[in-house]
Amino acid sequence: MVTPDYIRPGATVIDVGINRITDAAQAEKFFANFPERLAEFRAKGTALVGDVHPDVASVAGALTPVPGGVGPLTIAMLMSNTVKAARLAPRRSRSDCGNVTIMMLRLGLTGGIGSGKSTVTAMLRERSVPVLDADTLTHQLLEPAQETYEEVVREFGAQILRPDGTIDRAKLGSIVFADAAKRALLNRIMHPRIRALAEKWFSSLEHAGGFGFAFEDAALIIESGAREQFDRVVVCWCRPEQQIERLLARGLSRQDAERRIAAQMPIDEKRRIADDVIDCSGSVEETRRQLQSMIDKWTRMAAAAQNIS
């Protein structure tokens, strides 16, 4: 039985199928907050339930029970509609007094390497928009004596260490971008820890108040499966040849630049998934104008969410 403890707050949950319970102890637990259903069970000695406990509804962003016996296309449609509804609905939190309050919008900023994301981040900070840099979190997690540091060194060996014992991120990068399996291993180590730190950061901002929206700047929001943790995802993009030029300017060889671009999700696919897109292929001023238009839109959205009671 899937209980609220298993569910990340705000997650989209689809409960497929029906089960019959006849055990009284299980029914007492399952219907603890549903006295009418419990009385019905006691009268009949049996009840039909899903795989998801009803209390999950108090934690999930959206919950759809799907009855058994329906066809796969119907299930796919119900799942799709549930996910869409969850994305459109503002995230909510429950205060100590039981009133529902609307939290600030959590926005994810992503894009391909060399796509202009850092430029957009700098522009956001110029406008006093809070931005969390996931790469900074990575630096912190990989510092010596950190649990993450120990695990990464154990998995990738002393070859990634500098003489002073710190991790050479360039060397680690050259290893993982050349080997998909090792890249997946590093992501499995890093991403859960980054997500936990990001959640604390967003929560602290929400607790402090005063912000309509805040950003996390991370390259792999979509690839890592973190898309659902954001109210909106913003993708920065530019032409592939511009990505190459920018990476060459950073000191990478053409081979390394092409390898790193190829290791990421194609930018056209990211653009299709995005809620908002910023074209960084033009001048800095053109990017600035696009961003200001977006900021105006996000400000209106945040104000509208705060007005929902």
Protein backbone atom coordinates (compact mmCIF):
# COMPACT_ATOMS: atom_id res chain seq x y z
CA MET A 1 0.00 0.00 0.00
CA VAL A 2 1.39 3.41 -1.00
CA THR A 3 1.04 5.77 1.96
CA PRO A 4 1.80 9.53 2.20
CA ASP A 5 5.27 8.73 3.53
CA TYR A 6 6.23 7.45 0.09
CA ILE A 7 5.05 10.55 -1.78
CA ARG A 8 7.04 13.70 -2.45
CA PRO A 9 4.87 16.76 -1.66
CA GLY A 10 3.26 18.02 -4.85
CA ALA A 11 3.89 14.85 -6.83
CA THR A 12 1.48 13.60 -9.47
CA VAL A 13 0.05 10.20 -8.51
CA ILE A 14 -1.88 7.82 -10.77
CA ASP A 15 -3.45 4.86 -8.97
CA VAL A 16 -4.06 2.10 -11.53
CA GLY A 17 -6.15 -0.93 -10.59
CA ILE A 18 -8.40 -2.16 -7.79
CA ASN A 19 -7.70 -4.48 -4.87
CA ARG A 20 -10.06 -6.22 -2.49
CA ILE A 21 -9.19 -6.23 1.21
CA THR A 22 -10.71 -8.57 3.78
CA ASP A 23 -8.26 -8.15 6.66
CA ALA A 24 -9.79 -6.12 9.51
CA ALA A 25 -6.47 -4.73 10.75
CA GLN A 26 -5.60 -3.54 7.25
CA ALA A 27 -9.03 -1.95 6.90
CA GLU A 28 -8.67 -0.15 10.26
CA LYS A 29 -5.41 1.38 9.02
CA PHE A 30 -6.63 2.12 5.52
CA PHE A 31 -9.90 3.75 6.57
CA ALA A 32 -8.62 5.44 9.75
CA ASN A 33 -9.75 8.84 8.50
CA PHE A 34 -12.80 7.56 6.64
CA PRO A 35 -15.33 6.35 9.24
CA GLU A 36 -18.12 5.75 6.72
CA ARG A 37 -15.92 3.47 4.62
CA LEU A 38 -14.76 1.67 7.76
CA ALA A 39 -18.36 1.12 8.88
CA GLU A 40 -19.17 -0.23 5.42
CA PHE A 41 -16.23 -2.63 5.64
CA ARG A 42 -17.32 -3.86 9.07
CA ALA A 43 -20.80 -4.48 7.75
CA LYS A 44 -19.67 -6.37 4.64
CA GLY A 45 -16.32 -7.78 5.73
CA THR A 46 -14.76 -6.67 2.45
CA ALA A 47 -13.97 -3.52 0.48
CA LEU A 48 -12.50 -2.49 -2.86
CA VAL A 49 -9.52 -0.15 -2.69
CA GLY A 50 -6.72 1.07 -4.93
CA ASP A 51 -2.99 0.69 -4.37
CA VAL A 52 -2.73 4.25 -3.02
CA HIS A 53 -3.91 5.23 0.46
CA PRO A 54 -6.59 7.97 0.38
CA ASP A 55 -4.47 10.17 2.68
CA VAL A 56 -2.02 10.58 -0.21
CA ALA A 57 -4.44 13.19 -1.54
CA SER A 58 -3.34 15.55 1.25
CA VAL A 59 0.27 15.37 0.04
CA ALA A 60 0.10 14.89 -3.74
CA GLY A 61 -0.31 17.73 -6.19
CA ALA A 62 -2.76 15.61 -8.20
CA LEU A 63 -4.23 12.13 -7.69
CA THR A 64 -6.26 10.13 -10.17
CA PRO A 65 -7.61 6.64 -9.44
CA VAL A 66 -7.86 4.55 -12.61
CA PRO A 67 -10.29 1.60 -12.38
CA GLY A 68 -9.20 -1.82 -13.55
CA GLY A 69 -10.46 -3.14 -16.86
CA VAL A 70 -10.05 0.06 -18.88
CA GLY A 71 -7.94 0.01 -22.01
CA PRO A 72 -4.36 1.28 -22.26
CA LEU A 73 -5.35 4.33 -24.32
CA THR A 74 -7.84 5.39 -21.64
CA ILE A 75 -5.21 4.96 -18.95
CA ALA A 76 -2.71 6.99 -21.00
CA MET A 77 -5.29 9.77 -21.47
CA LEU A 78 -6.11 9.88 -17.74
CA MET A 79 -2.42 9.96 -16.85
CA SER A 80 -1.75 12.74 -19.35
CA ASN A 81 -4.66 14.83 -18.08
CA THR A 82 -3.58 14.36 -14.46
CA VAL A 83 -0.03 15.51 -15.21
CA LYS A 84 -1.32 18.54 -17.12
CA ALA A 85 -3.66 19.47 -14.27
CA ALA A 86 -0.83 19.20 -11.76
CA ARG A 87 1.36 21.52 -13.82
CA LEU A 88 -1.38 24.11 -14.19
CA ALA A 89 -2.35 24.13 -10.53
CA PRO A 90 -0.35 26.39 -8.18
CA ARG A 91 1.61 24.58 -5.50
CA ARG A 92 0.09 24.93 -2.05
CA SER A 93 1.19 24.37 1.51
CA ARG A 94 -0.89 23.87 4.63
CA SER A 95 -0.21 26.16 7.55
CA ASP A 96 -0.39 25.15 11.22
CA CYS A 97 -3.89 26.58 11.53
CA GLY A 98 -5.11 24.48 8.61
CA ASN A 99 -5.46 27.30 6.09
CA VAL A 100 -4.10 26.74 2.61
CA THR A 101 -1.55 29.29 1.44
CA ILE A 102 0.01 29.74 -1.99
CA MET A 103 3.78 29.50 -2.11
CA MET A 104 6.11 31.35 -4.45
CA LEU A 105 6.64 30.00 -7.93
CA ARG A 106 9.62 27.70 -8.31
CA LEU A 107 11.20 28.13 -11.72
CA GLY A 108 13.88 25.98 -13.28
CA LEU A 109 16.40 27.52 -15.68
CA THR A 110 18.13 25.09 -18.01
CA GLY A 111 19.53 24.65 -21.50
CA GLY A 112 22.39 23.07 -23.38
CA ILE A 113 25.99 23.74 -22.48
CA GLY A 114 27.09 27.10 -23.90
CA SER A 115 23.48 28.07 -24.61
CA GLY A 116 23.47 31.40 -22.75
CA LYS A 117 22.09 30.18 -19.44
CA SER A 118 24.84 31.88 -17.41
CA THR A 119 24.12 35.19 -19.13
CA VAL A 120 20.42 34.92 -18.26
CA THR A 121 21.29 34.00 -14.67
CA ALA A 122 23.43 37.14 -14.34
CA MET A 123 20.57 39.26 -15.73
CA LEU A 124 18.14 37.74 -13.23
CA ARG A 125 20.46 38.55 -10.35
CA GLU A 126 20.82 42.12 -11.63
CA ARG A 127 17.06 42.37 -11.08
CA SER A 128 17.35 40.92 -7.55
CA VAL A 129 15.66 37.65 -8.54
CA PRO A 130 16.89 34.82 -6.26
CA VAL A 131 18.84 32.23 -8.29
CA LEU A 132 20.35 29.04 -6.92
CA ASP A 133 23.30 27.74 -8.96
CA ALA A 134 23.24 23.93 -8.95
CA ASP A 135 26.89 23.94 -10.04
CA THR A 136 27.79 25.72 -6.79
CA LEU A 137 26.01 22.96 -4.88
CA THR A 138 28.07 20.43 -6.81
CA HIS A 139 31.28 22.21 -5.74
CA GLN A 140 30.17 22.12 -2.11
CA LEU A 141 29.23 18.43 -2.23
CA LEU A 142 32.57 17.50 -3.78
CA GLU A 143 34.66 19.20 -1.12
CA PRO A 144 36.96 16.85 0.85
CA ALA A 145 35.43 15.23 3.96
CA GLN A 146 31.95 15.44 2.46
CA GLU A 147 30.09 12.14 2.17
CA THR A 148 29.57 12.78 -1.55
CA TYR A 149 33.30 13.36 -2.04
CA GLU A 150 34.09 10.02 -0.44
CA GLU A 151 31.59 8.17 -2.63
CA VAL A 152 32.76 9.81 -5.86
CA VAL A 153 36.42 9.05 -5.11
CA ARG A 154 35.53 5.49 -4.20
CA GLU A 155 33.69 4.99 -7.50
CA PHE A 156 36.07 6.84 -9.84
CA GLY A 157 39.41 6.29 -8.15
CA ALA A 158 42.39 8.43 -7.16
CA GLN A 159 42.95 9.38 -10.80
CA ILE A 160 40.44 12.22 -10.40
CA LEU A 161 42.33 13.79 -7.48
CA ARG A 162 44.74 16.70 -7.54
CA PRO A 163 47.95 16.53 -5.45
CA ASP A 164 46.17 18.45 -2.65
CA GLY A 165 43.42 15.80 -2.47
CA THR A 166 40.66 17.88 -4.07
CA ILE A 167 38.68 16.53 -6.99
CA ASP A 168 39.82 17.72 -10.41
CA ARG A 169 36.42 18.45 -11.94
CA ALA A 170 37.89 18.85 -15.43
CA LYS A 171 39.39 15.36 -15.22
CA LEU A 172 36.17 13.93 -13.79
CA GLY A 173 34.24 15.65 -16.56
CA SER A 174 36.45 14.20 -19.27
CA ILE A 175 35.77 10.72 -17.87
CA VAL A 176 32.00 10.95 -17.59
CA PHE A 177 31.41 12.75 -20.87
CA ALA A 178 33.28 9.98 -22.66
CA ASP A 179 31.37 7.15 -20.96
CA ALA A 180 27.56 7.14 -20.67
CA ALA A 181 27.56 4.49 -17.92
CA LYS A 182 29.99 6.45 -15.76
CA ARG A 183 28.03 9.63 -16.42
CA ALA A 184 24.85 7.90 -15.24
CA LEU A 185 26.69 6.67 -12.13
CA LEU A 186 27.86 10.17 -11.25
CA ASN A 187 24.36 11.54 -11.79
CA ARG A 188 22.89 8.90 -9.46
CA ILE A 189 25.32 10.01 -6.77
CA MET A 190 24.91 13.75 -7.24
CA HIS A 191 21.33 14.49 -8.24
CA PRO A 192 19.44 13.28 -5.13
CA ARG A 193 21.76 15.31 -2.92
CA ILE A 194 21.48 18.40 -5.12
CA ARG A 195 17.68 18.11 -5.09
CA ALA A 196 17.63 17.88 -1.29
CA LEU A 197 19.75 21.03 -0.94
CA ALA A 198 17.66 22.86 -3.53
CA GLU A 199 14.47 21.95 -1.67
CA LYS A 200 15.89 23.45 1.53
CA TRP A 201 16.85 26.63 -0.33
CA PHE A 202 13.42 27.09 -1.90
CA SER A 203 11.71 26.32 1.41
CA SER A 204 13.82 28.90 3.26
CA LEU A 205 12.88 31.58 0.72
CA GLU A 206 9.20 30.68 1.02
CA HIS A 207 9.41 30.81 4.80
CA ALA A 208 11.10 34.22 4.69
CA GLY A 209 8.50 35.56 2.25
CA GLY A 210 8.76 38.54 -0.05
CA PHE A 211 9.54 36.71 -3.28
CA GLY A 212 7.00 35.95 -5.98
CA PHE A 213 9.30 33.53 -7.75
CA ALA A 214 12.82 32.13 -7.57
CA PHE A 215 15.06 30.13 -9.90
CA GLU A 216 17.29 27.12 -9.81
CA ASP A 217 19.92 27.20 -12.56
CA ALA A 218 20.74 23.59 -13.48
CA ALA A 219 21.87 21.97 -16.71
CA LEU A 220 20.06 18.65 -16.25
CA ILE A 221 16.64 19.54 -14.87
CA ILE A 222 14.85 17.61 -17.60
CA GLU A 223 17.34 14.76 -18.02
CA SER A 224 17.48 14.06 -14.26
CA GLY A 225 13.71 13.77 -13.95
CA ALA A 226 13.41 16.92 -11.80
CA ARG A 227 10.93 18.60 -14.16
CA GLU A 228 7.95 17.96 -11.89
CA GLN A 229 9.59 19.76 -8.97
CA PHE A 230 9.18 23.11 -10.70
CA ASP A 231 6.13 25.20 -11.50
CA ARG A 232 7.71 26.19 -14.80
CA VAL A 233 10.87 25.27 -16.68
CA VAL A 234 12.65 27.90 -18.78
CA VAL A 235 15.01 26.75 -21.53
CA CYS A 236 17.79 28.92 -22.93
CA TRP A 237 18.98 28.02 -26.40
CA CYS A 238 21.17 29.10 -29.27
CA ARG A 239 22.34 27.57 -32.53
CA PRO A 240 24.65 24.51 -32.26
CA GLU A 241 27.48 26.30 -34.02
CA GLN A 242 27.26 29.06 -31.42
CA GLN A 243 27.52 26.47 -28.64
CA ILE A 244 30.71 25.16 -30.23
CA GLU A 245 32.17 28.66 -30.56
CA ARG A 246 31.42 29.48 -26.92
CA LEU A 247 32.94 26.25 -25.65
CA LEU A 248 36.06 26.76 -27.73
CA ALA A 249 36.35 30.21 -26.16
CA ARG A 250 36.28 28.52 -22.73
CA GLY A 251 39.35 26.48 -23.69
CA LEU A 252 37.76 23.19 -24.67
CA SER A 253 38.92 21.36 -27.77
CA ARG A 254 36.40 20.94 -30.58
CA GLN A 255 36.26 17.21 -29.86
CA ASP A 256 35.48 17.80 -26.17
CA ALA A 257 32.92 20.47 -27.05
CA GLU A 258 31.11 18.22 -29.49
CA ARG A 259 31.23 15.31 -27.04
CA ARG A 260 29.67 17.38 -24.25
CA ILE A 261 26.92 18.72 -26.47
CA ALA A 262 26.16 15.20 -27.75
CA ALA A 263 25.94 13.90 -24.16
CA GLN A 264 23.00 16.21 -23.40
CA MET A 265 19.41 16.05 -24.53
CA PRO A 266 18.98 17.71 -27.95
CA ILE A 267 18.08 21.34 -27.46
CA ASP A 268 15.08 21.10 -29.80
CA GLU A 269 13.63 18.42 -27.53
CA LYS A 270 14.19 20.61 -24.47
CA ARG A 271 12.45 23.48 -26.20
CA ARG A 272 9.39 21.32 -26.84
CA ILE A 273 9.21 20.36 -23.17
CA ALA A 274 9.82 23.90 -21.86
CA ASP A 275 7.12 26.18 -20.48
CA ASP A 276 9.10 29.24 -21.58
CA VAL A 277 11.97 29.63 -24.05
CA ILE A 278 14.63 32.33 -24.27
CA ASP A 279 16.51 32.68 -27.56
CA CYS A 280 20.13 33.52 -26.71
CA SER A 281 21.40 33.38 -30.28
CA GLY A 282 21.10 37.13 -30.82
CA SER A 283 22.65 40.12 -29.09
CA VAL A 284 22.80 40.54 -25.31
CA GLU A 285 20.22 43.32 -25.56
CA GLU A 286 17.84 41.06 -27.48
CA THR A 287 18.18 38.45 -24.73
CA ARG A 288 17.64 41.15 -22.10
CA ARG A 289 14.40 42.31 -23.76
CA GLN A 290 13.07 38.75 -23.93
CA LEU A 291 13.92 38.16 -20.31
CA GLN A 292 12.22 41.35 -19.15
CA SER A 293 9.06 40.30 -20.96
CA MET A 294 9.26 36.92 -19.22
CA ILE A 295 9.83 38.55 -15.82
CA ASP A 296 6.72 40.67 -16.31
CA LYS A 297 4.76 37.51 -17.10
CA TRP A 298 6.11 35.55 -14.12
CA THR A 299 5.37 38.51 -11.84
CA ARG A 300 1.74 38.52 -12.99
CA MET A 301 1.51 34.76 -12.53
CA ALA A 302 2.97 34.95 -9.02
CA ALA A 303 0.56 37.73 -8.07
CA ALA A 304 -2.38 35.74 -9.40
CA ALA A 305 -1.28 32.68 -7.42
CA GLN A 306 -0.97 34.69 -4.23
CA ASN A 307 -4.53 35.95 -4.69
CA ILE A 308 -5.99 32.44 -4.85
CA SER A 309 -7.63 31.54 -1.53
